[in-house]
N, C-alpha and C. Protein backbone atom coordinates (compact mmCIF):
# COMPACT_ATOMS: atom_id res chain seq x y z
N MET A 1 -32.37 -7.26 -20.18
CA MET A 1 -30.91 -7.05 -20.83
C MET A 1 -30.04 -8.32 -20.10
N ILE A 2 -29.62 -9.14 -20.91
CA ILE A 2 -28.74 -10.22 -20.50
C ILE A 2 -27.31 -9.86 -20.60
N VAL A 3 -26.70 -9.94 -19.52
CA VAL A 3 -25.17 -9.84 -19.81
C VAL A 3 -24.48 -11.08 -19.89
N GLU A 4 -23.57 -11.20 -20.81
CA GLU A 4 -22.97 -12.16 -21.12
C GLU A 4 -21.53 -12.50 -20.13
N HIS A 5 -21.48 -13.86 -19.79
CA HIS A 5 -20.14 -13.89 -18.90
C HIS A 5 -18.76 -13.47 -19.38
N ALA A 6 -18.56 -13.51 -20.66
CA ALA A 6 -17.49 -12.99 -20.93
C ALA A 6 -16.99 -11.14 -21.02
N PHE A 7 -18.22 -10.85 -21.02
CA PHE A 7 -18.31 -9.18 -20.89
C PHE A 7 -17.73 -8.96 -19.11
N LEU A 8 -18.77 -9.88 -18.30
CA LEU A 8 -18.36 -9.46 -16.85
C LEU A 8 -16.92 -10.02 -16.58
N VAL A 9 -16.39 -11.09 -16.96
CA VAL A 9 -15.17 -11.32 -16.71
C VAL A 9 -14.28 -10.17 -17.19
N GLY A 10 -14.36 -9.99 -18.32
CA GLY A 10 -13.51 -8.90 -18.89
C GLY A 10 -13.38 -7.50 -18.09
N PHE A 11 -14.98 -7.12 -17.76
CA PHE A 11 -15.01 -5.88 -16.91
C PHE A 11 -14.43 -5.94 -15.62
N SER A 12 -14.44 -7.07 -14.99
CA SER A 12 -13.98 -7.27 -13.64
C SER A 12 -12.40 -7.49 -13.56
N LYS A 13 -11.89 -8.07 -14.72
CA LYS A 13 -10.40 -8.04 -14.75
C LYS A 13 -10.07 -6.41 -14.95
N SER A 14 -10.53 -5.69 -15.83
CA SER A 14 -10.13 -4.24 -16.07
C SER A 14 -10.39 -3.38 -14.67
N PHE A 15 -11.58 -3.43 -14.23
CA PHE A 15 -11.44 -2.99 -13.16
C PHE A 15 -10.51 -3.26 -11.98
N GLY A 16 -10.51 -4.41 -12.00
CA GLY A 16 -9.41 -4.93 -10.63
C GLY A 16 -7.85 -4.13 -11.09
N LEU A 17 -7.54 -4.45 -12.39
CA LEU A 17 -6.18 -3.66 -12.83
C LEU A 17 -6.12 -2.38 -12.54
N PHE A 18 -7.31 -1.68 -12.81
CA PHE A 18 -7.26 -0.09 -12.59
C PHE A 18 -7.29 0.01 -11.02
N TYR A 19 -8.10 -0.53 -10.31
CA TYR A 19 -8.16 -0.50 -8.92
C TYR A 19 -6.71 -0.45 -8.14
N LEU A 20 -6.04 -1.64 -8.36
CA LEU A 20 -4.69 -2.01 -7.92
C LEU A 20 -3.47 -1.00 -8.42
N VAL A 21 -3.84 -0.51 -9.55
CA VAL A 21 -2.69 0.75 -10.08
C VAL A 21 -3.06 1.83 -9.24
N VAL A 22 -4.16 2.29 -9.13
CA VAL A 22 -4.88 3.39 -8.43
C VAL A 22 -4.15 3.24 -6.76
N LEU A 23 -4.47 2.05 -6.38
CA LEU A 23 -4.13 1.98 -4.91
C LEU A 23 -2.57 1.84 -4.63
N SER A 24 -1.61 1.42 -5.67
CA SER A 24 -0.42 1.29 -5.54
C SER A 24 0.17 2.90 -5.74
N VAL A 25 -0.37 3.59 -6.48
CA VAL A 25 -0.02 5.16 -6.67
C VAL A 25 -0.06 5.86 -5.68
N ALA A 26 -1.51 5.44 -4.67
CA ALA A 26 -1.81 6.16 -3.63
C ALA A 26 -0.81 5.84 -2.59
N VAL A 27 -0.39 4.54 -2.33
CA VAL A 27 0.54 4.29 -1.23
C VAL A 27 1.82 4.82 -1.44
N VAL A 28 2.27 4.74 -2.87
CA VAL A 28 3.52 5.43 -3.12
C VAL A 28 3.66 7.13 -2.69
N LEU A 29 2.48 7.54 -3.27
CA LEU A 29 2.41 9.24 -2.78
C LEU A 29 2.53 9.23 -1.22
N HIS A 30 1.71 8.67 -0.70
CA HIS A 30 1.66 8.62 0.97
C HIS A 30 2.95 8.49 1.31
N ALA A 31 3.62 7.52 1.12
CA ALA A 31 5.20 7.28 1.61
C ALA A 31 6.02 8.26 1.19
N MET A 32 5.95 9.04 0.09
CA MET A 32 6.81 10.00 -0.38
C MET A 32 6.42 11.44 0.26
N ARG A 33 5.55 11.48 0.73
CA ARG A 33 5.04 12.92 1.50
C ARG A 33 6.35 13.18 2.28
N PRO A 34 6.63 14.66 2.27
CA PRO A 34 7.67 15.09 3.06
C PRO A 34 7.07 15.22 4.30
N SER A 35 6.12 15.47 4.72
CA SER A 35 5.60 15.63 6.00
C SER A 35 5.49 14.21 6.73
N ASN A 36 5.81 13.06 5.98
CA ASN A 36 5.99 11.66 6.58
C ASN A 36 7.38 11.27 7.08
N LYS A 37 8.49 12.21 6.51
CA LYS A 37 9.74 11.83 6.80
C LYS A 37 10.17 11.74 8.01
N LYS A 38 9.71 12.47 8.94
CA LYS A 38 10.18 12.55 10.30
C LYS A 38 9.49 11.28 11.11
N ARG A 39 8.39 10.74 10.59
CA ARG A 39 7.89 9.68 11.46
C ARG A 39 8.39 8.37 11.00
N PHE A 40 8.69 8.18 9.47
CA PHE A 40 9.54 7.11 9.02
C PHE A 40 10.53 6.85 9.21
N ASP A 41 11.52 8.07 9.51
CA ASP A 41 12.87 8.06 10.01
C ASP A 41 13.04 7.66 11.59
N GLU A 42 12.21 7.92 12.25
CA GLU A 42 11.85 7.55 13.47
C GLU A 42 11.51 6.09 13.86
N ALA A 43 10.73 5.48 12.79
CA ALA A 43 10.39 4.35 12.97
C ALA A 43 11.90 3.38 12.44
N ALA A 44 12.44 3.94 11.54
CA ALA A 44 13.71 3.08 11.27
C ALA A 44 14.66 3.19 12.44
N ARG A 45 14.83 4.33 12.99
CA ARG A 45 15.57 4.20 14.16
C ARG A 45 15.21 3.42 15.33
N SER A 46 13.99 3.15 15.42
CA SER A 46 13.45 2.71 16.91
C SER A 46 13.68 0.97 16.82
N ILE A 47 14.10 0.55 15.79
CA ILE A 47 14.48 -0.82 15.57
C ILE A 47 15.95 -1.03 16.27
N LEU A 48 16.72 0.05 16.08
CA LEU A 48 17.85 -0.12 16.78
C LEU A 48 18.09 0.09 18.04
N ARG A 49 16.94 1.06 18.64
CA ARG A 49 17.28 1.21 19.88
C ARG A 49 17.00 -0.08 20.94
N ASP A 50 17.67 -0.24 22.16
CA ASP A 50 17.47 -1.32 22.89
C ASP A 50 16.85 -0.94 24.06
N GLU A 51 15.47 -0.96 23.95
CA GLU A 51 14.79 -0.33 25.25
C GLU A 51 14.34 -1.40 26.26
N ALA A 52 14.08 -2.63 25.74
CA ALA A 52 14.05 -3.60 26.94
C ALA A 52 14.84 -4.52 27.18
N GLY A 53 15.91 -4.56 26.68
CA GLY A 53 17.01 -5.68 26.62
C GLY A 53 16.85 -6.77 25.96
N PRO A 54 17.72 -7.80 25.92
CA PRO A 54 17.38 -8.78 25.01
C PRO A 54 16.67 -9.87 26.17
N TRP A 55 15.84 -10.91 25.31
CA TRP A 55 15.11 -11.79 25.89
C TRP A 55 15.82 -12.76 26.77
N ARG A 56 15.38 -13.05 28.01
CA ARG A 56 16.31 -14.15 28.71
C ARG A 56 15.41 -15.20 29.27
């Protein structure tokens, strides 16, 4: 069975598109989970905390 180059290119482009869509949806769902709210809020506030002072 010989597979043509055009078929492989089309298949890889389609697979890559679906892979990236699924990955993006998974990242958004992970970020929007209510159980992560406390962790993300803490990370946002940690930038404003002055723990070590300015560099001198």
